[in-house]
Amino acid sequence: MARLGFFVLVFSFVFYMACIAASASTTTLTPREYIVASCKATRYPALCVECLSGYANAIRKNEQHLAQTALSVSLSRAQSAAAYVAKMTHVRGIKPRERQAVKDCIENMGDTVDRLSQSVKELSHMGRAGGEGFMLHMSNVQTWVSAALTDENTCLDGFAGRVMDGNIKVAVRRRVVHVAQVTSNALALVNRFAARHRAAIPTEKP
């Protein structure tokens, strides 16, 4: 029993020192270096840094601010892409098959904008929520951002196949692929924030 207590004490000390080291390494980073380090957790780190570097001082090396900003950037890019895709139905010479794919994509991108808007609002209303309250908010955000990413990919699926090749496909894919990559990065940062906050919540003994 005494040996078990000793090992628990040693483990607690090592964990405490690791937390101090992690905290110290974060505090020594500049705001931009913090973003570069955080973006390594994403699938498209270079794009992540490009999108978030301009907000470094506003993020202030805060994980919730980082996730919030990533979602806001994703929302802004989705809104821009949605407006662009909507104009494609008026392109001269558009084929019926292309027009239908564009119409479906307009609906998909509209859903994307709605879900990302919900996510931004949900994360901003979290405040200092902890425990079950935090988990509920984060679960909502993760679900909505994941759904937004699915909507974007569904739009792209509508242009699959060589029969859809052409300027319409190229133009839509360029915009929507970019949004999907930005959304993927935002989801990774949201998941990272959720996981770290969840690990910091004390587990209740039965």
N, C-alpha and C. Protein backbone atom coordinates (compact mmCIF):
# COMPACT_ATOMS: atom_id res chain seq x y z
N MET A 1 0.84 -1.21 0.00
CA MET A 1 0.00 0.00 0.00
C MET A 1 0.87 1.26 0.00
N ALA A 2 1.95 1.18 0.81
CA ALA A 2 2.85 2.32 0.90
C ALA A 2 3.55 2.54 -0.44
N ARG A 3 3.91 1.39 -1.10
CA ARG A 3 4.57 1.50 -2.40
C ARG A 3 3.64 2.13 -3.43
N LEU A 4 2.35 1.74 -3.40
CA LEU A 4 1.37 2.31 -4.31
C LEU A 4 1.25 3.81 -4.10
N GLY A 5 1.23 4.21 -2.83
CA GLY A 5 1.14 5.63 -2.52
C GLY A 5 2.36 6.39 -3.02
N PHE A 6 3.53 5.74 -2.95
CA PHE A 6 4.76 6.36 -3.41
C PHE A 6 4.71 6.59 -4.93
N PHE A 7 4.24 5.57 -5.66
CA PHE A 7 4.15 5.69 -7.11
C PHE A 7 3.14 6.77 -7.52
N VAL A 8 2.04 6.84 -6.79
CA VAL A 8 1.04 7.87 -7.07
C VAL A 8 1.65 9.25 -6.87
N LEU A 9 2.43 9.40 -5.81
CA LEU A 9 3.07 10.67 -5.50
C LEU A 9 4.06 11.05 -6.60
N VAL A 10 4.85 10.06 -7.05
CA VAL A 10 5.83 10.31 -8.10
C VAL A 10 5.14 10.70 -9.40
N PHE A 11 4.08 9.95 -9.74
CA PHE A 11 3.34 10.24 -10.98
C PHE A 11 2.76 11.64 -10.94
N SER A 12 2.19 12.02 -9.78
CA SER A 12 1.59 13.34 -9.64
C SER A 12 2.63 14.43 -9.81
N PHE A 13 3.82 14.20 -9.26
CA PHE A 13 4.89 15.19 -9.37
C PHE A 13 5.34 15.35 -10.82
N VAL A 14 5.51 14.20 -11.51
CA VAL A 14 5.96 14.23 -12.91
C VAL A 14 4.93 14.95 -13.77
N PHE A 15 3.62 14.64 -13.54
CA PHE A 15 2.55 15.27 -14.30
C PHE A 15 2.54 16.77 -14.05
N TYR A 16 2.74 17.17 -12.79
CA TYR A 16 2.75 18.58 -12.41
C TYR A 16 3.89 19.30 -13.11
N MET A 17 5.07 18.68 -13.12
CA MET A 17 6.22 19.31 -13.77
C MET A 17 6.03 19.41 -15.27
N ALA A 18 5.37 18.40 -15.86
CA ALA A 18 5.10 18.43 -17.30
C ALA A 18 4.17 19.58 -17.64
N CYS A 19 3.17 19.79 -16.79
CA CYS A 19 2.22 20.89 -17.01
C CYS A 19 2.92 22.23 -16.92
N ILE A 20 3.84 22.35 -15.94
CA ILE A 20 4.59 23.60 -15.78
C ILE A 20 5.45 23.84 -17.02
N ALA A 21 6.09 22.78 -17.51
CA ALA A 21 6.96 22.90 -18.68
C ALA A 21 6.15 23.31 -19.91
N ALA A 22 4.98 22.69 -20.07
CA ALA A 22 4.13 23.03 -21.21
C ALA A 22 3.67 24.46 -21.13
N SER A 23 3.30 24.89 -19.93
CA SER A 23 2.84 26.26 -19.73
C SER A 23 3.97 27.24 -20.00
N ALA A 24 5.16 26.89 -19.53
CA ALA A 24 6.31 27.77 -19.72
C ALA A 24 6.66 27.91 -21.19
N SER A 25 6.58 26.75 -21.92
CA SER A 25 6.92 26.80 -23.35
C SER A 25 5.94 27.66 -24.11
N THR A 26 4.68 27.69 -23.67
CA THR A 26 3.67 28.51 -24.32
C THR A 26 3.89 29.98 -24.04
N THR A 27 4.24 30.30 -22.80
CA THR A 27 4.39 31.70 -22.42
C THR A 27 5.61 32.34 -23.08
N THR A 28 6.59 31.53 -23.48
CA THR A 28 7.79 32.10 -24.10
C THR A 28 7.59 32.34 -25.60
N LEU A 29 6.52 31.82 -26.16
CA LEU A 29 6.26 32.00 -27.58
C LEU A 29 5.68 33.39 -27.86
N THR A 30 6.03 33.95 -29.01
CA THR A 30 5.37 35.18 -29.45
C THR A 30 3.97 34.79 -29.93
N PRO A 31 3.05 35.76 -30.07
CA PRO A 31 1.70 35.44 -30.56
C PRO A 31 1.71 34.68 -31.88
N ARG A 32 2.58 35.06 -32.80
CA ARG A 32 2.62 34.36 -34.09
C ARG A 32 3.21 32.97 -33.94
N GLU A 33 4.23 32.83 -33.12
CA GLU A 33 4.83 31.52 -32.89
C GLU A 33 3.82 30.57 -32.25
N TYR A 34 2.96 31.12 -31.40
CA TYR A 34 1.91 30.31 -30.78
C TYR A 34 0.97 29.77 -31.85
N ILE A 35 0.62 30.60 -32.83
CA ILE A 35 -0.26 30.17 -33.91
C ILE A 35 0.42 29.10 -34.76
N VAL A 36 1.70 29.32 -35.08
CA VAL A 36 2.45 28.35 -35.88
C VAL A 36 2.48 27.00 -35.16
N ALA A 37 2.75 27.03 -33.86
CA ALA A 37 2.80 25.79 -33.07
C ALA A 37 1.44 25.11 -33.01
N SER A 38 0.39 25.90 -32.83
CA SER A 38 -0.96 25.35 -32.73
C SER A 38 -1.42 24.76 -34.05
N CYS A 39 -1.04 25.40 -35.15
CA CYS A 39 -1.47 24.95 -36.47
C CYS A 39 -0.86 23.61 -36.88
N LYS A 40 0.14 23.16 -36.16
CA LYS A 40 0.73 21.85 -36.45
C LYS A 40 -0.26 20.72 -36.18
N ALA A 41 -1.29 21.03 -35.42
CA ALA A 41 -2.32 20.02 -35.11
C ALA A 41 -3.34 19.90 -36.24
N THR A 42 -3.25 20.75 -37.25
CA THR A 42 -4.24 20.75 -38.33
C THR A 42 -3.72 19.97 -39.54
N ARG A 43 -4.63 19.72 -40.47
CA ARG A 43 -4.27 18.97 -41.68
C ARG A 43 -3.56 19.85 -42.70
N TYR A 44 -3.86 21.14 -42.66
CA TYR A 44 -3.26 22.08 -43.61
C TYR A 44 -2.59 23.22 -42.82
N PRO A 45 -1.46 22.93 -42.19
CA PRO A 45 -0.82 23.91 -41.29
C PRO A 45 -0.41 25.22 -41.94
N ALA A 46 0.09 25.17 -43.17
CA ALA A 46 0.50 26.41 -43.85
C ALA A 46 -0.70 27.32 -44.08
N LEU A 47 -1.80 26.74 -44.51
CA LEU A 47 -3.03 27.50 -44.72
C LEU A 47 -3.56 28.03 -43.39
N CYS A 48 -3.44 27.23 -42.36
CA CYS A 48 -3.87 27.63 -41.02
C CYS A 48 -3.12 28.88 -40.56
N VAL A 49 -1.80 28.85 -40.71
CA VAL A 49 -0.98 30.00 -40.31
C VAL A 49 -1.34 31.22 -41.15
N GLU A 50 -1.53 31.01 -42.44
CA GLU A 50 -1.87 32.11 -43.34
C GLU A 50 -3.19 32.78 -42.92
N CYS A 51 -4.17 31.96 -42.54
CA CYS A 51 -5.49 32.48 -42.19
C CYS A 51 -5.52 33.18 -40.83
N LEU A 52 -4.69 32.72 -39.89
CA LEU A 52 -4.80 33.18 -38.51
C LEU A 52 -3.72 34.16 -38.06
N SER A 53 -2.63 34.25 -38.80
CA SER A 53 -1.51 35.12 -38.37
C SER A 53 -1.93 36.57 -38.18
N GLY A 54 -2.83 37.04 -39.03
CA GLY A 54 -3.28 38.42 -38.94
C GLY A 54 -4.08 38.72 -37.68
N TYR A 55 -4.50 37.67 -36.98
CA TYR A 55 -5.30 37.84 -35.75
C TYR A 55 -4.49 37.47 -34.50
N ALA A 56 -3.17 37.36 -34.65
CA ALA A 56 -2.33 36.89 -33.56
C ALA A 56 -2.51 37.69 -32.27
N ASN A 57 -2.54 39.01 -32.37
CA ASN A 57 -2.67 39.84 -31.16
C ASN A 57 -4.05 39.72 -30.54
N ALA A 58 -5.07 39.48 -31.35
CA ALA A 58 -6.43 39.31 -30.82
C ALA A 58 -6.59 37.95 -30.16
N ILE A 59 -5.89 36.94 -30.68
CA ILE A 59 -5.97 35.59 -30.12
C ILE A 59 -5.29 35.52 -28.76
N ARG A 60 -4.19 36.28 -28.62
CA ARG A 60 -3.50 36.41 -27.33
C ARG A 60 -3.11 35.07 -26.71
N LYS A 61 -2.69 34.14 -27.56
CA LYS A 61 -2.21 32.83 -27.09
C LYS A 61 -3.25 32.13 -26.20
N ASN A 62 -4.51 32.32 -26.54
CA ASN A 62 -5.62 31.72 -25.80
C ASN A 62 -6.30 30.68 -26.70
N GLU A 63 -6.43 29.45 -26.22
CA GLU A 63 -6.95 28.37 -27.07
C GLU A 63 -8.40 28.58 -27.49
N GLN A 64 -9.21 29.15 -26.60
CA GLN A 64 -10.60 29.40 -26.98
C GLN A 64 -10.67 30.51 -28.02
N HIS A 65 -9.86 31.55 -27.85
CA HIS A 65 -9.82 32.63 -28.84
C HIS A 65 -9.32 32.09 -30.19
N LEU A 66 -8.38 31.16 -30.12
CA LEU A 66 -7.84 30.57 -31.35
C LEU A 66 -8.92 29.80 -32.09
N ALA A 67 -9.66 28.96 -31.37
CA ALA A 67 -10.73 28.18 -31.98
C ALA A 67 -11.84 29.10 -32.50
N GLN A 68 -12.16 30.12 -31.71
CA GLN A 68 -13.20 31.07 -32.10
C GLN A 68 -12.81 31.80 -33.39
N THR A 69 -11.58 32.24 -33.47
CA THR A 69 -11.11 32.96 -34.65
C THR A 69 -11.08 32.05 -35.87
N ALA A 70 -10.64 30.81 -35.68
CA ALA A 70 -10.60 29.85 -36.79
C ALA A 70 -12.00 29.61 -37.34
N LEU A 71 -12.98 29.51 -36.46
CA LEU A 71 -14.37 29.32 -36.89
C LEU A 71 -14.89 30.56 -37.62
N SER A 72 -14.54 31.74 -37.11
CA SER A 72 -14.99 32.98 -37.74
C SER A 72 -14.41 33.13 -39.14
N VAL A 73 -13.14 32.78 -39.29
CA VAL A 73 -12.50 32.84 -40.62
C VAL A 73 -13.18 31.84 -41.55
N SER A 74 -13.45 30.64 -41.05
CA SER A 74 -14.12 29.63 -41.85
C SER A 74 -15.50 30.11 -42.30
N LEU A 75 -16.23 30.73 -41.39
CA LEU A 75 -17.55 31.27 -41.72
C LEU A 75 -17.46 32.34 -42.80
N SER A 76 -16.51 33.24 -42.66
CA SER A 76 -16.33 34.31 -43.64
C SER A 76 -16.01 33.75 -45.03
N ARG A 77 -15.12 32.76 -45.07
CA ARG A 77 -14.75 32.15 -46.35
C ARG A 77 -15.94 31.39 -46.95
N ALA A 78 -16.74 30.75 -46.09
CA ALA A 78 -17.91 30.01 -46.57
C ALA A 78 -18.96 30.95 -47.14
N GLN A 79 -19.16 32.08 -46.48
CA GLN A 79 -20.12 33.07 -46.98
C GLN A 79 -19.69 33.60 -48.35
N SER A 80 -18.41 33.86 -48.50
CA SER A 80 -17.88 34.36 -49.77
C SER A 80 -18.05 33.31 -50.87
N ALA A 81 -17.74 32.06 -50.54
CA ALA A 81 -17.86 30.99 -51.53
C ALA A 81 -19.32 30.76 -51.91
N ALA A 82 -20.21 30.82 -50.92
CA ALA A 82 -21.64 30.62 -51.18
C ALA A 82 -22.16 31.68 -52.15
N ALA A 83 -21.74 32.93 -51.94
CA ALA A 83 -22.17 34.02 -52.83
C ALA A 83 -21.62 33.82 -54.23
N TYR A 84 -20.39 33.34 -54.31
CA TYR A 84 -19.76 33.10 -55.62
C TYR A 84 -20.47 31.98 -56.37
N VAL A 85 -20.75 30.87 -55.67
CA VAL A 85 -21.41 29.73 -56.31
C VAL A 85 -22.81 30.12 -56.79
N ALA A 86 -23.50 30.96 -56.04
CA ALA A 86 -24.85 31.39 -56.41
C ALA A 86 -24.86 32.10 -57.76
N LYS A 87 -23.77 32.76 -58.09
CA LYS A 87 -23.69 33.48 -59.37
C LYS A 87 -23.48 32.55 -60.56
N MET A 88 -23.04 31.32 -60.27
CA MET A 88 -22.73 30.39 -61.36
C MET A 88 -23.95 29.97 -62.16
N THR A 89 -25.13 30.06 -61.56
CA THR A 89 -26.34 29.65 -62.30
C THR A 89 -26.63 30.61 -63.46
N HIS A 90 -26.03 31.78 -63.44
CA HIS A 90 -26.28 32.78 -64.48
C HIS A 90 -25.19 32.81 -65.55
N VAL A 91 -24.25 31.86 -65.43
CA VAL A 91 -23.17 31.83 -66.43
C VAL A 91 -23.73 31.41 -67.78
N ARG A 92 -23.36 32.13 -68.82
CA ARG A 92 -23.85 31.83 -70.17
C ARG A 92 -23.31 30.48 -70.64
N GLY A 93 -24.19 29.68 -71.19
CA GLY A 93 -23.77 28.40 -71.75
C GLY A 93 -23.71 27.26 -70.74
N ILE A 94 -24.15 27.50 -69.51
CA ILE A 94 -24.11 26.45 -68.50
C ILE A 94 -25.03 25.30 -68.91
N LYS A 95 -24.58 24.07 -68.75
CA LYS A 95 -25.34 22.89 -69.14
C LYS A 95 -26.34 22.52 -68.03
N PRO A 96 -27.43 21.85 -68.41
CA PRO A 96 -28.44 21.47 -67.41
C PRO A 96 -27.86 20.67 -66.25
N ARG A 97 -26.96 19.74 -66.55
CA ARG A 97 -26.34 18.93 -65.49
C ARG A 97 -25.51 19.80 -64.56
N GLU A 98 -24.80 20.77 -65.14
CA GLU A 98 -23.99 21.68 -64.33
C GLU A 98 -24.89 22.58 -63.48
N ARG A 99 -25.96 23.05 -64.08
CA ARG A 99 -26.88 23.92 -63.36
C ARG A 99 -27.46 23.21 -62.13
N GLN A 100 -27.80 21.93 -62.29
CA GLN A 100 -28.35 21.17 -61.16
C GLN A 100 -27.31 20.98 -60.07
N ALA A 101 -26.08 20.69 -60.47
CA ALA A 101 -24.99 20.52 -59.50
C ALA A 101 -24.74 21.83 -58.75
N VAL A 102 -24.81 22.94 -59.47
CA VAL A 102 -24.62 24.25 -58.84
C VAL A 102 -25.75 24.53 -57.85
N LYS A 103 -26.99 24.23 -58.25
CA LYS A 103 -28.12 24.46 -57.36
C LYS A 103 -28.00 23.63 -56.08
N ASP A 104 -27.58 22.37 -56.23
CA ASP A 104 -27.37 21.52 -55.07
C ASP A 104 -26.25 22.09 -54.18
N CYS A 105 -25.21 22.59 -54.83
CA CYS A 105 -24.08 23.15 -54.08
C CYS A 105 -24.50 24.41 -53.33
N ILE A 106 -25.37 25.21 -53.95
CA ILE A 106 -25.87 26.42 -53.28
C ILE A 106 -26.57 26.04 -51.98
N GLU A 107 -27.36 24.97 -52.04
CA GLU A 107 -28.04 24.50 -50.83
C GLU A 107 -27.05 23.99 -49.80
N ASN A 108 -26.06 23.23 -50.27
CA ASN A 108 -25.03 22.71 -49.36
C ASN A 108 -24.27 23.83 -48.68
N MET A 109 -23.88 24.83 -49.45
CA MET A 109 -23.10 25.94 -48.89
C MET A 109 -23.95 26.80 -47.96
N GLY A 110 -25.26 26.89 -48.26
CA GLY A 110 -26.14 27.60 -47.35
C GLY A 110 -26.21 26.90 -46.00
N ASP A 111 -26.26 25.56 -46.05
CA ASP A 111 -26.26 24.78 -44.80
C ASP A 111 -24.94 24.96 -44.06
N THR A 112 -23.84 25.00 -44.82
CA THR A 112 -22.52 25.21 -44.22
C THR A 112 -22.47 26.53 -43.46
N VAL A 113 -22.95 27.58 -44.10
CA VAL A 113 -22.95 28.91 -43.47
C VAL A 113 -23.80 28.89 -42.20
N ASP A 114 -24.96 28.25 -42.25
CA ASP A 114 -25.83 28.17 -41.08
C ASP A 114 -25.15 27.44 -39.93
N ARG A 115 -24.52 26.31 -40.23
CA ARG A 115 -23.89 25.51 -39.17
C ARG A 115 -22.68 26.21 -38.57
N LEU A 116 -21.90 26.87 -39.42
CA LEU A 116 -20.73 27.59 -38.91
C LEU A 116 -21.17 28.80 -38.09
N SER A 117 -22.25 29.46 -38.50
CA SER A 117 -22.79 30.58 -37.72
C SER A 117 -23.22 30.12 -36.34
N GLN A 118 -23.90 28.97 -36.28
CA GLN A 118 -24.31 28.40 -35.00
C GLN A 118 -23.09 28.10 -34.13
N SER A 119 -22.05 27.57 -34.76
CA SER A 119 -20.84 27.19 -34.01
C SER A 119 -20.15 28.41 -33.42
N VAL A 120 -20.04 29.47 -34.21
CA VAL A 120 -19.41 30.70 -33.73
C VAL A 120 -20.17 31.27 -32.54
N LYS A 121 -21.49 31.30 -32.66
CA LYS A 121 -22.32 31.82 -31.57
C LYS A 121 -22.22 30.94 -30.32
N GLU A 122 -22.24 29.64 -30.52
CA GLU A 122 -22.19 28.71 -29.39
C GLU A 122 -20.88 28.86 -28.62
N LEU A 123 -19.78 28.94 -29.35
CA LEU A 123 -18.48 29.06 -28.70
C LEU A 123 -18.33 30.41 -28.00
N SER A 124 -18.89 31.44 -28.58
CA SER A 124 -18.79 32.77 -27.97
C SER A 124 -19.64 32.88 -26.71
N HIS A 125 -20.69 32.06 -26.59
CA HIS A 125 -21.57 32.11 -25.43
C HIS A 125 -21.11 31.19 -24.30
N MET A 126 -20.01 30.49 -24.51
CA MET A 126 -19.56 29.53 -23.49
C MET A 126 -19.11 30.20 -22.21
N GLY A 127 -18.45 31.36 -22.36
CA GLY A 127 -17.95 32.04 -21.17
C GLY A 127 -17.00 31.16 -20.41
N ARG A 128 -17.28 30.99 -19.14
CA ARG A 128 -16.43 30.15 -18.29
C ARG A 128 -17.13 28.84 -17.94
N ALA A 129 -17.95 28.37 -18.84
CA ALA A 129 -18.67 27.13 -18.59
C ALA A 129 -17.69 25.99 -18.32
N GLY A 130 -18.02 25.18 -17.36
CA GLY A 130 -17.14 24.07 -17.01
C GLY A 130 -17.94 22.81 -16.83
N GLY A 131 -17.25 21.68 -16.67
CA GLY A 131 -17.92 20.42 -16.43
C GLY A 131 -18.88 20.05 -17.54
N GLU A 132 -20.08 19.64 -17.15
CA GLU A 132 -21.08 19.19 -18.12
C GLU A 132 -21.50 20.33 -19.06
N GLY A 133 -21.55 21.56 -18.56
CA GLY A 133 -21.91 22.69 -19.39
C GLY A 133 -20.93 22.86 -20.54
N PHE A 134 -19.65 22.75 -20.23
CA PHE A 134 -18.62 22.87 -21.27
C PHE A 134 -18.76 21.75 -22.28
N MET A 135 -18.94 20.54 -21.80
CA MET A 135 -19.03 19.39 -22.68
C MET A 135 -20.22 19.51 -23.63
N LEU A 136 -21.33 20.02 -23.13
CA LEU A 136 -22.52 20.19 -23.96
C LEU A 136 -22.28 21.20 -25.07
N HIS A 137 -21.71 22.36 -24.71
CA HIS A 137 -21.41 23.39 -25.70
C HIS A 137 -20.43 22.87 -26.76
N MET A 138 -19.37 22.23 -26.31
CA MET A 138 -18.36 21.75 -27.24
C MET A 138 -18.89 20.65 -28.14
N SER A 139 -19.75 19.79 -27.60
CA SER A 139 -20.35 18.73 -28.41
C SER A 139 -21.18 19.33 -29.54
N ASN A 140 -21.91 20.40 -29.22
CA ASN A 140 -22.71 21.08 -30.25
C ASN A 140 -21.81 21.66 -31.33
N VAL A 141 -20.75 22.35 -30.90
CA VAL A 141 -19.84 22.98 -31.86
C VAL A 141 -19.19 21.93 -32.75
N GLN A 142 -18.69 20.87 -32.15
CA GLN A 142 -18.03 19.82 -32.92
C GLN A 142 -18.98 19.17 -33.93
N THR A 143 -20.21 18.95 -33.50
CA THR A 143 -21.21 18.34 -34.39
C THR A 143 -21.52 19.25 -35.57
N TRP A 144 -21.71 20.54 -35.31
CA TRP A 144 -22.06 21.48 -36.37
C TRP A 144 -20.91 21.70 -37.35
N VAL A 145 -19.68 21.81 -36.84
CA VAL A 145 -18.55 22.03 -37.74
C VAL A 145 -18.30 20.78 -38.59
N SER A 146 -18.45 19.62 -37.99
CA SER A 146 -18.31 18.37 -38.75
C SER A 146 -19.36 18.30 -39.85
N ALA A 147 -20.59 18.71 -39.52
CA ALA A 147 -21.67 18.71 -40.51
C ALA A 147 -21.39 19.71 -41.62
N ALA A 148 -20.82 20.87 -41.27
CA ALA A 148 -20.48 21.88 -42.28
C ALA A 148 -19.44 21.32 -43.25
N LEU A 149 -18.47 20.59 -42.73
CA LEU A 149 -17.44 19.99 -43.57
C LEU A 149 -18.06 18.94 -44.49
N THR A 150 -19.02 18.20 -43.98
CA THR A 150 -19.72 17.21 -44.80
C THR A 150 -20.50 17.89 -45.92
N ASP A 151 -21.15 19.01 -45.60
CA ASP A 151 -21.90 19.76 -46.62
C ASP A 151 -20.97 20.22 -47.76
N GLU A 152 -19.80 20.70 -47.38
CA GLU A 152 -18.84 21.18 -48.39
C GLU A 152 -18.39 20.04 -49.30
N ASN A 153 -18.11 18.89 -48.71
CA ASN A 153 -17.69 17.73 -49.50
C ASN A 153 -18.83 17.21 -50.37
N THR A 154 -20.06 17.32 -49.87
CA THR A 154 -21.22 16.91 -50.67
C THR A 154 -21.36 17.78 -51.91
N CYS A 155 -21.09 19.06 -51.75
CA CYS A 155 -21.10 19.98 -52.90
C CYS A 155 -20.09 19.52 -53.93
N LEU A 156 -18.90 19.18 -53.49
CA LEU A 156 -17.84 18.74 -54.42
C LEU A 156 -18.21 17.43 -55.09
N ASP A 157 -18.88 16.55 -54.37
CA ASP A 157 -19.29 15.26 -54.95
C ASP A 157 -20.22 15.45 -56.14
N GLY A 158 -20.99 16.54 -56.12
CA GLY A 158 -21.92 16.80 -57.22
C GLY A 158 -21.23 17.08 -58.54
N PHE A 159 -19.93 17.39 -58.48
CA PHE A 159 -19.17 17.68 -59.70
C PHE A 159 -18.20 16.55 -60.05
N ALA A 160 -18.41 15.39 -59.43
CA ALA A 160 -17.51 14.26 -59.67
C ALA A 160 -17.74 13.69 -61.07
N GLY A 161 -16.70 13.12 -61.62
CA GLY A 161 -16.81 12.48 -62.93
C GLY A 161 -16.39 13.39 -64.07
N ARG A 162 -15.89 12.78 -65.14
CA ARG A 162 -15.39 13.54 -66.29
C ARG A 162 -16.50 14.25 -67.03
N VAL A 163 -17.72 13.74 -66.89
CA VAL A 163 -18.84 14.36 -67.59
C VAL A 163 -19.09 15.78 -67.09
N MET A 164 -18.61 16.07 -65.87
CA MET A 164 -18.81 17.40 -65.29
C MET A 164 -17.62 18.33 -65.53
N ASP A 165 -16.59 17.83 -66.21
CA ASP A 165 -15.40 18.65 -66.46
C ASP A 165 -15.76 19.91 -67.25
N GLY A 166 -15.12 21.01 -66.86
CA GLY A 166 -15.37 22.27 -67.54
C GLY A 166 -15.07 23.44 -66.63
N ASN A 167 -15.29 24.64 -67.12
CA ASN A 167 -14.97 25.85 -66.36
C ASN A 167 -15.80 25.99 -65.08
N ILE A 168 -17.06 25.56 -65.14
CA ILE A 168 -17.92 25.66 -63.95
C ILE A 168 -17.35 24.81 -62.82
N LYS A 169 -17.01 23.59 -63.15
CA LYS A 169 -16.45 22.68 -62.15
C LYS A 169 -15.15 23.23 -61.55
N VAL A 170 -14.28 23.71 -62.42
CA VAL A 170 -13.00 24.25 -61.96
C VAL A 170 -13.21 25.43 -61.01
N ALA A 171 -14.11 26.34 -61.40
CA ALA A 171 -14.35 27.54 -60.60
C ALA A 171 -14.95 27.20 -59.24
N VAL A 172 -15.95 26.32 -59.24
CA VAL A 172 -16.61 25.96 -57.98
C VAL A 172 -15.66 25.18 -57.08
N ARG A 173 -14.96 24.22 -57.65
CA ARG A 173 -14.05 23.40 -56.84
C ARG A 173 -12.96 24.26 -56.19
N ARG A 174 -12.44 25.23 -56.93
CA ARG A 174 -11.38 26.08 -56.38
C ARG A 174 -11.85 26.77 -55.10
N ARG A 175 -13.06 27.30 -55.14
CA ARG A 175 -13.59 28.02 -53.97
C ARG A 175 -13.96 27.07 -52.84
N VAL A 176 -14.67 26.01 -53.17
CA VAL A 176 -15.21 25.13 -52.13
C VAL A 176 -14.11 24.28 -51.48
N VAL A 177 -13.14 23.83 -52.26
CA VAL A 177 -12.02 23.07 -51.69
C VAL A 177 -11.29 23.92 -50.66
N HIS A 178 -11.08 25.19 -51.01
CA HIS A 178 -10.42 26.11 -50.07
C HIS A 178 -11.21 26.21 -48.77
N VAL A 179 -12.53 26.39 -48.88
CA VAL A 179 -13.37 26.50 -47.68
C VAL A 179 -13.31 25.20 -46.87
N ALA A 180 -13.34 24.06 -47.56
CA ALA A 180 -13.29 22.78 -46.87
C ALA A 180 -11.98 22.61 -46.09
N GLN A 181 -10.90 23.07 -46.66
CA GLN A 181 -9.61 22.98 -45.97
C GLN A 181 -9.57 23.90 -44.75
N VAL A 182 -10.10 25.11 -44.90
CA VAL A 182 -10.15 26.04 -43.77
C VAL A 182 -11.06 25.49 -42.67
N THR A 183 -12.18 24.89 -43.05
CA THR A 183 -13.11 24.32 -42.08
C THR A 183 -12.48 23.12 -41.38
N SER A 184 -11.75 22.30 -42.13
CA SER A 184 -11.04 21.16 -41.55
C SER A 184 -10.05 21.63 -40.49
N ASN A 185 -9.34 22.70 -40.79
CA ASN A 185 -8.39 23.25 -39.81
C ASN A 185 -9.11 23.78 -38.57
N ALA A 186 -10.23 24.45 -38.79
CA ALA A 186 -11.00 24.98 -37.67
C ALA A 186 -11.49 23.85 -36.77
N LEU A 187 -11.95 22.78 -37.38
CA LEU A 187 -12.43 21.63 -36.60
C LEU A 187 -11.30 21.01 -35.79
N ALA A 188 -10.12 20.94 -36.38
CA ALA A 188 -8.96 20.38 -35.65
C ALA A 188 -8.62 21.23 -34.43
N LEU A 189 -8.70 22.54 -34.56
CA LEU A 189 -8.39 23.44 -33.44
C LEU A 189 -9.49 23.40 -32.39
N VAL A 190 -10.73 23.23 -32.83
CA VAL A 190 -11.85 23.08 -31.89
C VAL A 190 -11.67 21.78 -31.10
N ASN A 191 -11.35 20.70 -31.80
CA ASN A 191 -11.15 19.41 -31.13
C ASN A 191 -9.98 19.47 -30.16
N ARG A 192 -8.93 20.19 -30.54
CA ARG A 192 -7.75 20.33 -29.67
C ARG A 192 -8.11 21.09 -28.40
N PHE A 193 -8.86 22.17 -28.58
CA PHE A 193 -9.30 22.96 -27.43
C PHE A 193 -10.19 22.12 -26.51
N ALA A 194 -11.11 21.37 -27.10
CA ALA A 194 -12.02 20.54 -26.32
C ALA A 194 -11.27 19.46 -25.54
N ALA A 195 -10.31 18.81 -26.21
CA ALA A 195 -9.57 17.73 -25.58
C ALA A 195 -8.72 18.23 -24.41
N ARG A 196 -8.08 19.37 -24.58
CA ARG A 196 -7.23 19.90 -23.51
C ARG A 196 -8.07 20.39 -22.34
N HIS A 197 -9.20 21.01 -22.63
CA HIS A 197 -10.07 21.49 -21.56
C HIS A 197 -10.68 20.30 -20.83
N ARG A 198 -11.05 19.27 -21.59
CA ARG A 198 -11.65 18.07 -20.99
C ARG A 198 -10.64 17.38 -20.06
N ALA A 199 -9.38 17.34 -20.47
CA ALA A 199 -8.34 16.69 -19.66
C ALA A 199 -8.10 17.44 -18.36
N ALA A 200 -8.38 18.74 -18.38
CA ALA A 200 -8.14 19.57 -17.19
C ALA A 200 -9.30 19.50 -16.19
N ILE A 201 -10.45 18.95 -16.62
CA ILE A 201 -11.60 18.84 -15.73
C ILE A 201 -11.41 17.67 -14.77
N PRO A 202 -11.45 17.90 -13.45
CA PRO A 202 -11.25 16.81 -12.49
C PRO A 202 -12.34 15.76 -12.65
N THR A 203 -11.92 14.50 -12.63
CA THR A 203 -12.89 13.41 -12.70
C THR A 203 -13.50 13.16 -11.33
N GLU A 204 -14.82 13.01 -11.32
CA GLU A 204 -15.51 12.79 -10.07
C GLU A 204 -15.43 11.33 -9.66
N LYS A 205 -15.18 11.08 -8.41
CA LYS A 205 -15.13 9.72 -7.89
C LYS A 205 -16.54 9.22 -7.70
N PRO A 206 -16.80 7.95 -8.05
CA PRO A 206 -18.14 7.39 -7.89
C PRO A 206 -18.53 7.27 -6.42
